[in-house]
C-alpha atoms as a PDB file:
ATOM      1  CA  MET A   1      46.702  11.070  13.794  1.00  0.00           C
ATOM      2  CA  THR A   2      45.437  11.684  10.227  1.00  0.00           C
ATOM      3  CA  SER A   3      44.462   8.064   9.751  1.00  0.00           C
ATOM      4  CA  SER A   4      42.544   8.169  13.053  1.00  0.00           C
ATOM      5  CA  SER A   5      40.549  11.263  12.031  1.00  0.00           C
ATOM      6  CA  SER A   6      39.810   9.958   8.608  1.00  0.00           C
ATOM      7  CA  SER A   7      38.556   6.618   9.991  1.00  0.00           C
ATOM      8  CA  GLU A   8      36.238   8.527  12.336  1.00  0.00           C
ATOM      9  CA  GLY A   9      34.884  10.760   9.562  1.00  0.00           C
ATOM     10  CA  PRO A  10      32.300   8.418   8.026  1.00  0.00           C
ATOM     11  CA  LEU A  11      31.102   7.302  11.471  1.00  0.00           C
ATOM     12  CA  SER A  12      30.684  10.862  12.588  1.00  0.00           C
ATOM     13  CA  LEU A  13      28.744  11.952   9.459  1.00  0.00           C
ATOM     14  CA  LEU A  14      26.443   8.875   9.744  1.00  0.00           C
ATOM     15  CA  ARG A  15      25.779   9.529  13.388  1.00  0.00           C
ATOM     16  CA  ILE A  16      24.877  13.087  12.743  1.00  0.00           C
ATOM     17  CA  THR A  17      22.720  12.079   9.774  1.00  0.00           C
ATOM     18  CA  VAL A  18      20.834   9.557  11.889  1.00  0.00           C
ATOM     19  CA  ARG A  19      20.273  12.131  14.677  1.00  0.00           C
ATOM     20  CA  ARG A  20      19.112  14.836  12.313  1.00  0.00           C
ATOM     21  CA  ALA A  21      16.830  12.371  10.463  1.00  0.00           C
ATOM     22  CA  THR A  22      15.230  11.300  13.774  1.00  0.00           C
ATOM     23  CA  VAL A  23      14.451  14.893  14.546  1.00  0.00           C
ATOM     24  CA  SER A  24      13.512  16.117  11.122  1.00  0.00           C
ATOM     25  CA  GLY A  25      11.464  12.975  10.330  1.00  0.00           C
ATOM     26  CA  ARG A  26      10.006  12.520  13.756  1.00  0.00           C
ATOM     27  CA  PHE A  27       6.426  12.833  12.324  1.00  0.00           C
ATOM     28  CA  PHE A  28       7.088   9.861  10.002  1.00  0.00           C
ATOM     29  CA  LEU A  29       8.894   7.838  12.683  1.00  0.00           C
ATOM     30  CA  VAL A  30       6.194   8.398  15.305  1.00  0.00           C
ATOM     31  CA  TYR A  31       3.378   7.817  12.883  1.00  0.00           C
ATOM     32  CA  GLY A  32       4.862   4.604  11.360  1.00  0.00           C
ATOM     33  CA  THR A  33       5.752   3.180  14.804  1.00  0.00           C
ATOM     34  CA  GLY A  34       2.465   4.155  16.444  1.00  0.00           C
ATOM     35  CA  ILE A  35       0.300   2.651  13.673  1.00  0.00           C
ATOM     36  CA  SER A  36       2.388  -0.516  13.602  1.00  0.00           C
ATOM     37  CA  VAL A  37       2.135  -0.923  17.365  1.00  0.00           C
ATOM     38  CA  LEU A  38      -1.641  -0.164  17.340  1.00  0.00           C
ATOM     39  CA  LEU A  39      -2.211  -2.694  14.597  1.00  0.00           C
ATOM     40  CA  GLY A  40      -0.113  -5.331  16.373  1.00  0.00           C
ATOM     41  CA  VAL A  41      -1.811  -4.813  19.745  1.00  0.00           C
ATOM     42  CA  THR A  42      -5.288  -4.840  18.101  1.00  0.00           C
ATOM     43  CA  LEU A  43      -4.735  -8.005  16.157  1.00  0.00           C
ATOM     44  CA  ALA A  44      -3.058  -9.721  19.174  1.00  0.00           C
ATOM     45  CA  ALA A  45      -5.508  -8.745  21.855  1.00  0.00           C
ATOM     46  CA  PHE A  46      -8.840  -8.552  20.083  1.00  0.00           C
ATOM     47  CA  SER A  47      -8.716 -10.946  17.160  1.00  0.00           C
ATOM     48  CA  GLY A  48      -8.576 -14.709  16.785  1.00  0.00           C
ATOM     49  CA  SER A  49      -5.412 -16.642  17.318  1.00  0.00           C
ATOM     50  CA  ASN A  50      -4.848 -16.913  13.498  1.00  0.00           C
ATOM     51  CA  SER A  51      -5.379 -13.266  12.629  1.00  0.00           C
ATOM     52  CA  PHE A  52      -2.172 -11.993  14.142  1.00  0.00           C
ATOM     53  CA  PRO A  53       0.278 -14.451  12.415  1.00  0.00           C
ATOM     54  CA  SER A  54      -1.421 -14.026   9.084  1.00  0.00           C
ATOM     55  CA  ALA A  55      -2.117 -10.334   8.990  1.00  0.00           C
ATOM     56  CA  PHE A  56       0.553  -8.559  11.128  1.00  0.00           C
ATOM     57  CA  PRO A  57       3.604  -9.581   9.003  1.00  0.00           C
ATOM     58  CA  LEU A  58       1.822  -8.430   5.854  1.00  0.00           C
ATOM     59  CA  PHE A  59       1.056  -4.920   7.070  1.00  0.00           C
ATOM     60  CA  LEU A  60       4.314  -4.245   8.950  1.00  0.00           C
ATOM     61  CA  PRO A  61       6.427  -3.291   5.886  1.00  0.00           C
ATOM     62  CA  ILE A  62       3.879  -0.681   4.857  1.00  0.00           C
ATOM     63  CA  PHE A  63       4.265   1.359   8.057  1.00  0.00           C
ATOM     64  CA  GLY A  64       7.946   0.514   8.333  1.00  0.00           C
ATOM     65  CA  VAL A  65       8.571   2.341   5.107  1.00  0.00           C
ATOM     66  CA  VAL A  66       6.679   5.394   6.342  1.00  0.00           C
ATOM     67  CA  GLY A  67       8.815   5.526   9.414  1.00  0.00           C
ATOM     68  CA  SER A  68      12.044   5.557   7.405  1.00  0.00           C
ATOM     69  CA  MET A  69      11.433   8.828   5.546  1.00  0.00           C
ATOM     70  CA  GLY A  70      13.527  10.906   7.869  1.00  0.00           C
ATOM     71  CA  GLY A  71      16.710  10.170   5.925  1.00  0.00           C
ATOM     72  CA  LEU A  72      15.215  11.439   2.732  1.00  0.00           C
ATOM     73  CA  VAL A  73      13.890  14.542   4.501  1.00  0.00           C
ATOM     74  CA  VAL A  74      17.494  15.422   5.539  1.00  0.00           C
ATOM     75  CA  PHE A  75      18.884  14.670   2.067  1.00  0.00           C
ATOM     76  CA  SER A  76      16.215  16.853   0.221  1.00  0.00           C
ATOM     77  CA  ASN A  77      16.613  19.719   2.677  1.00  0.00           C
ATOM     78  CA  ASP A  78      20.481  19.613   2.482  1.00  0.00           C
ATOM     79  CA  ARG A  79      20.425  19.732  -1.270  1.00  0.00           C
ATOM     80  CA  THR A  80      18.035  22.668  -1.432  1.00  0.00           C
ATOM     81  CA  LYS A  81      20.077  24.600   1.210  1.00  0.00           C
ATOM     82  CA  GLY A  82      23.439  23.850  -0.371  1.00  0.00           C
ATOM     83  CA  VAL A  83      24.731  21.650   2.457  1.00  0.00           C
ATOM     84  CA  LEU A  84      25.552  18.795   0.021  1.00  0.00           C
ATOM     85  CA  GLU A  85      27.462  21.270  -2.154  1.00  0.00           C
ATOM     86  CA  TYR A  86      29.456  22.286   0.941  1.00  0.00           C
ATOM     87  CA  LEU A  87      30.279  18.689   1.850  1.00  0.00           C
ATOM     88  CA  ILE A  88      31.272  17.828  -1.716  1.00  0.00           C
ATOM     89  CA  ALA A  89      33.586  20.828  -1.782  1.00  0.00           C
ATOM     90  CA  TYR A  90      35.336  19.325   1.243  1.00  0.00           C
ATOM     91  CA  GLY A  91      35.828  15.990  -0.408  1.00  0.00           C
ATOM     92  CA  VAL A  92      32.758  13.937   0.595  1.00  0.00           C
ATOM     93  CA  SER A  93      31.794  11.755  -2.377  1.00  0.00           C
ATOM     94  CA  PRO A  94      28.178  11.366  -3.708  1.00  0.00           C
ATOM     95  CA  ARG A  95      28.422   7.629  -2.903  1.00  0.00           C
ATOM     96  CA  ARG A  96      29.186   8.513   0.721  1.00  0.00           C
ATOM     97  CA  LEU A  97      26.256  10.962   0.854  1.00  0.00           C
ATOM     98  CA  PHE A  98      23.968   8.314  -0.622  1.00  0.00           C
ATOM     99  CA  ALA A  99      25.234   5.698   1.795  1.00  0.00           C
ATOM    100  CA  ASN A 100      24.407   7.988   4.697  1.00  0.00           C
ATOM    101  CA  VAL A 101      20.789   8.393   3.483  1.00  0.00           C
ATOM    102  CA  LEU A 102      20.368   4.654   2.798  1.00  0.00           C
ATOM    103  CA  ILE A 103      21.822   3.480   6.076  1.00  0.00           C
ATOM    104  CA  THR A 104      19.861   6.146   7.971  1.00  0.00           C
ATOM    105  CA  SER A 105      16.659   4.934   6.345  1.00  0.00           C
ATOM    106  CA  LEU A 106      17.454   1.342   7.352  1.00  0.00           C
ATOM    107  CA  VAL A 107      18.131   2.393  10.894  1.00  0.00           C
ATOM    108  CA  LEU A 108      14.780   4.209  11.177  1.00  0.00           C
ATOM    109  CA  ALA A 109      12.916   1.324   9.534  1.00  0.00           C
ATOM    110  CA  SER A 110      14.659  -1.044  12.045  1.00  0.00           C
ATOM    111  CA  ILE A 111      13.355   1.063  14.903  1.00  0.00           C
ATOM    112  CA  VAL A 112       9.758   0.728  13.680  1.00  0.00           C
ATOM    113  CA  VAL A 113      10.096  -2.964  13.098  1.00  0.00           C
ATOM    114  CA  SER A 114      11.819  -3.641  16.497  1.00  0.00           C
ATOM    115  CA  VAL A 115       9.215  -1.663  18.507  1.00  0.00           C
ATOM    116  CA  ALA A 116       6.207  -3.058  16.594  1.00  0.00           C
ATOM    117  CA  ILE A 117       7.337  -6.718  16.732  1.00  0.00           C
ATOM    118  CA  GLY A 118       8.418  -6.470  20.330  1.00  0.00           C
ATOM    119  CA  VAL A 119       5.066  -5.009  21.514  1.00  0.00           C
ATOM    120  CA  GLY A 120       2.853  -6.935  19.127  1.00  0.00           C
ATOM    121  CA  VAL A 121       4.388 -10.388  19.716  1.00  0.00           C
ATOM    122  CA  GLY A 122       4.691  -9.618  23.419  1.00  0.00           C
ATOM    123  CA  VAL A 123       0.962  -8.964  23.694  1.00  0.00           C
ATOM    124  CA  TYR A 124       0.193 -11.963  21.535  1.00  0.00           C
ATOM    125  CA  VAL A 125       2.237 -14.272  23.854  1.00  0.00           C
ATOM    126  CA  ALA A 126       0.774 -12.556  26.920  1.00  0.00           C
ATOM    127  CA  LYS A 127      -2.679 -13.519  25.665  1.00  0.00           C
ATOM    128  CA  GLY A 128      -1.666 -17.180  25.937  1.00  0.00           C
ATOM    129  CA  HIS A 129      -0.700 -17.833  22.281  1.00  0.00           C
ATOM    130  CA  GLY A 130       2.555 -19.501  21.240  1.00  0.00           C
ATOM    131  CA  VAL A 131       4.894 -18.307  18.514  1.00  0.00           C
ATOM    132  CA  SER A 132       4.161 -20.709  15.670  1.00  0.00           C
ATOM    133  CA  SER A 133       6.627 -21.641  12.986  1.00  0.00           C
ATOM    134  CA  TYR A 134       4.494 -19.857  10.465  1.00  0.00           C
ATOM    135  CA  LEU A 135       4.605 -16.538  12.460  1.00  0.00           C
ATOM    136  CA  ALA A 136       8.432 -16.919  12.797  1.00  0.00           C
ATOM    137  CA  LEU A 137       8.893 -17.604   9.074  1.00  0.00           C
ATOM    138  CA  ALA A 138       6.474 -14.842   8.057  1.00  0.00           C
ATOM    139  CA  LEU A 139       8.414 -12.374  10.182  1.00  0.00           C
ATOM    140  CA  GLY A 140      11.846 -13.761   9.232  1.00  0.00           C
ATOM    141  CA  ILE A 141      11.473 -14.240   5.532  1.00  0.00           C
ATOM    142  CA  TYR A 142       9.085 -11.439   4.713  1.00  0.00           C
ATOM    143  CA  ALA A 143       8.161  -8.770   7.325  1.00  0.00           C
ATOM    144  CA  ILE A 144      11.669  -7.861   8.469  1.00  0.00           C
ATOM    145  CA  PRO A 145      13.585  -8.197   5.259  1.00  0.00           C
ATOM    146  CA  MET A 146      10.755  -6.709   3.180  1.00  0.00           C
ATOM    147  CA  THR A 147      10.563  -3.676   5.403  1.00  0.00           C
ATOM    148  CA  LEU A 148      14.275  -3.104   4.987  1.00  0.00           C
ATOM    149  CA  ALA A 149      14.286  -3.771   1.241  1.00  0.00           C
ATOM    150  CA  SER A 150      11.262  -1.464   0.723  1.00  0.00           C
ATOM    151  CA  ALA A 151      12.881   1.261   2.860  1.00  0.00           C
ATOM    152  CA  ALA A 152      15.999   0.952   0.714  1.00  0.00           C
ATOM    153  CA  PHE A 153      13.870   1.046  -2.375  1.00  0.00           C
ATOM    154  CA  ALA A 154      12.091   4.243  -1.237  1.00  0.00           C
ATOM    155  CA  ALA A 155      15.316   5.909  -0.191  1.00  0.00           C
ATOM    156  CA  THR A 156      17.043   5.091  -3.452  1.00  0.00           C
ATOM    157  CA  VAL A 157      14.166   6.278  -5.629  1.00  0.00           C
ATOM    158  CA  GLY A 158      13.845   9.394  -3.453  1.00  0.00           C
ATOM    159  CA  VAL A 159      17.562  10.292  -3.740  1.00  0.00           C
ATOM    160  CA  TYR A 160      17.478   9.866  -7.591  1.00  0.00           C
ATOM    161  CA  TRP A 161      14.268  11.895  -7.753  1.00  0.00           C
ATOM    162  CA  THR A 162      15.734  14.691  -5.677  1.00  0.00           C
ATOM    163  CA  ALA A 163      18.994  14.773  -7.564  1.00  0.00           C
ATOM    164  CA  LEU A 164      17.410  14.720 -11.027  1.00  0.00           C
ATOM    165  CA  SER A 165      14.709  17.278 -10.395  1.00  0.00           C
ATOM    166  CA  SER A 166      14.677  21.078 -10.165  1.00  0.00           C
ATOM    167  CA  PRO A 167      12.530  23.665  -8.396  1.00  0.00           C
ATOM    168  CA  ARG A 168      11.127  24.831 -11.808  1.00  0.00           C
ATOM    169  CA  GLN A 169       9.587  21.438 -12.147  1.00  0.00           C
ATOM    170  CA  GLY A 170       8.163  21.465  -8.732  1.00  0.00           C
ATOM    171  CA  LEU A 171       9.714  18.079  -7.917  1.00  0.00           C
ATOM    172  CA  ASN A 172      12.689  19.009  -5.874  1.00  0.00           C
ATOM    173  CA  SER A 173      11.065  17.594  -2.719  1.00  0.00           C
ATOM    174  CA  PRO A 174       9.590  14.074  -3.339  1.00  0.00           C
ATOM    175  CA  ILE A 175       8.748  13.411   0.361  1.00  0.00           C
ATOM    176  CA  GLY A 176       5.050  13.578  -0.260  1.00  0.00           C
ATOM    177  CA  LEU A 177       4.958  10.783  -2.970  1.00  0.00           C
ATOM    178  CA  VAL A 178       7.955   8.529  -2.141  1.00  0.00           C
ATOM    179  CA  PRO A 179       6.257   6.726   0.794  1.00  0.00           C
ATOM    180  CA  PHE A 180       3.594   5.571  -1.666  1.00  0.00           C
ATOM    181  CA  VAL A 181       6.368   4.313  -4.006  1.00  0.00           C
ATOM    182  CA  GLY A 182       7.952   2.452  -1.085  1.00  0.00           C
ATOM    183  CA  ILE A 183       4.806   0.652   0.032  1.00  0.00           C
ATOM    184  CA  LEU A 184       3.870  -0.515  -3.454  1.00  0.00           C
ATOM    185  CA  PRO A 185       5.748  -3.838  -3.150  1.00  0.00           C
ATOM    186  CA  ALA A 186       4.033  -4.600   0.129  1.00  0.00           C
ATOM    187  CA  LEU A 187       0.643  -3.644  -1.296  1.00  0.00           C
ATOM    188  CA  ALA A 188       1.186  -5.799  -4.355  1.00  0.00           C
ATOM    189  CA  THR A 189       2.123  -8.778  -2.167  1.00  0.00           C
ATOM    190  CA  LEU A 190      -0.927  -8.190  -0.005  1.00  0.00           C
ATOM    191  CA  GLY A 191      -3.162  -7.992  -3.100  1.00  0.00           C
ATOM    192  CA  THR A 192      -1.696 -11.225  -4.464  1.00  0.00           C
ATOM    193  CA  LEU A 193      -2.362 -13.108  -1.256  1.00  0.00           C
ATOM    194  CA  VAL A 194      -5.881 -11.837  -1.083  1.00  0.00           C
ATOM    195  CA  GLY A 195      -6.476 -12.898  -4.646  1.00  0.00           C
ATOM    196  CA  LEU A 196      -5.084 -16.379  -3.895  1.00  0.00           C
ATOM    197  CA  GLY A 197      -7.328 -16.567  -0.842  1.00  0.00           C
ATOM    198  CA  LEU A 198     -10.435 -15.613  -2.808  1.00  0.00           C
ATOM    199  CA  SER A 199      -9.613 -18.144  -5.503  1.00  0.00           C
ATOM    200  CA  GLY A 200      -9.267 -20.972  -2.946  1.00  0.00           C
ATOM    201  CA  LYS A 201      -5.560 -21.527  -3.772  1.00  0.00           C
ATOM    202  CA  SER A 202      -4.286 -20.352  -0.365  1.00  0.00           C
ATOM    203  CA  SER A 203      -2.197 -22.581   1.902  1.00  0.00           C
ATOM    204  CA  THR A 204       0.644 -22.068   4.285  1.00  0.00           C
ATOM    205  CA  GLU A 205       3.201 -23.246   1.703  1.00  0.00           C
ATOM    206  CA  VAL A 206       1.751 -20.980  -0.997  1.00  0.00           C
ATOM    207  CA  PHE A 207       1.708 -18.045   1.296  1.00  0.00           C
ATOM    208  CA  LEU A 208       5.340 -18.545   2.324  1.00  0.00           C
ATOM    209  CA  ILE A 209       6.439 -18.974  -1.325  1.00  0.00           C
ATOM    210  CA  VAL A 210       4.648 -15.733  -2.254  1.00  0.00           C
ATOM    211  CA  LEU A 211       6.233 -13.859   0.629  1.00  0.00           C
ATOM    212  CA  GLY A 212       9.734 -15.131  -0.161  1.00  0.00           C
ATOM    213  CA  THR A 213       9.286 -14.383  -3.899  1.00  0.00           C
ATOM    214  CA  ALA A 214       8.082 -10.824  -3.171  1.00  0.00           C
ATOM    215  CA  PHE A 215      11.086 -10.070  -1.075  1.00  0.00           C
ATOM    216  CA  GLY A 216      13.434 -11.592  -3.673  1.00  0.00           C
ATOM    217  CA  LEU A 217      11.966  -9.442  -6.440  1.00  0.00           C
ATOM    218  CA  ILE A 218      12.172  -6.177  -4.539  1.00  0.00           C
ATOM    219  CA  ALA A 219      15.731  -7.043  -3.419  1.00  0.00           C
ATOM    220  CA  ILE A 220      16.701  -7.512  -7.064  1.00  0.00           C
ATOM    221  CA  VAL A 221      15.205  -4.105  -7.969  1.00  0.00           C
ATOM    222  CA  VAL A 222      17.115  -2.380  -5.099  1.00  0.00           C
ATOM    223  CA  LEU A 223      20.372  -3.976  -6.233  1.00  0.00           C
ATOM    224  CA  VAL A 224      19.830  -2.754  -9.818  1.00  0.00           C
ATOM    225  CA  LEU A 225      19.107   0.769  -8.584  1.00  0.00           C
ATOM    226  CA  LEU A 226      22.240   0.660  -6.373  1.00  0.00           C
ATOM    227  CA  GLY A 227      24.280  -0.331  -9.430  1.00  0.00           C
ATOM    228  CA  MET A 228      23.107   2.821 -11.253  1.00  0.00           C
ATOM    229  CA  ILE A 229      24.628   5.142  -8.600  1.00  0.00           C
ATOM    230  CA  GLY A 230      27.741   6.025 -10.537  1.00  0.00           C
ATOM    231  CA  ARG A 231      25.746   6.995 -13.657  1.00  0.00           C
ATOM    232  CA  LEU A 232      22.860   8.871 -12.077  1.00  0.00           C
ATOM    233  CA  LEU A 233      24.239  10.353  -8.850  1.00  0.00           C
ATOM    234  CA  ARG A 234      27.006  12.648 -10.146  1.00  0.00           C
ATOM    235  CA  ARG A 235      28.437  15.489  -8.263  1.00  0.00           C
ATOM    236  CA  GLU A 236      26.694  18.205 -10.292  1.00  0.00           C
ATOM    237  CA  ARG A 237      23.378  16.598  -9.548  1.00  0.00           C
ATOM    238  CA  LEU A 238      23.913  17.246  -5.784  1.00  0.00           C
ATOM    239  CA  LEU A 239      24.596  20.962  -6.060  1.00  0.00           C
ATOM    240  CA  SER A 240      22.100  23.428  -4.786  1.00  0.00           C
ATOM    241  CA  PRO A 241      19.405  24.147  -7.352  1.00  0.00           C
ATOM    242  CA  ALA A 242      18.935  27.690  -6.077  1.00  0.00           C
END
């Protein structure tokens, strides 16, 4: 009986966190999904056949990160109101609390990506275009993994920021700035590709190499930040600052 309840504990907390994040962060989720869908439909329906495969995968991570902010909204509010302190008192570890935020952010980002790709690619195919190998690779090696990695990056930075700040510093709620932090990798990638295009060095192979490298770099940064959890995310950092 005890083992059953303990095994259901993490699942229950995660389910509650996802539900609360969907409600509390509904503005970010609706905004990120709506802009992604609008962009995909516009490129697929009103642009040339090459515009959608080349542009849509590059912009998708930017809005996917915005849609994932609900998890950080819940974490920041819970720390301020003492909910995290209550959970820690009942034996919930900081790693477990962080994992809830991280997984919740990935779930919300996945919703944005799934809806945007489903609608965008659907309209693109309905207009008589085929799914080229370049589009499949751009979505598979960059757009989808980069969105998830950037969402994880934003969530990790946001959790550290929230835990290490205090109301006196005016930084206890980083929600306003963290989306910009999360979209920096995608913007840097976009700027690199634009620069290559202007210099005449653009090609399908070069574009795919840049996309894969960009994802690899942000994945390494996320892994490094995750490795610092034990040192930076201590119990006393999650207590209510009030």
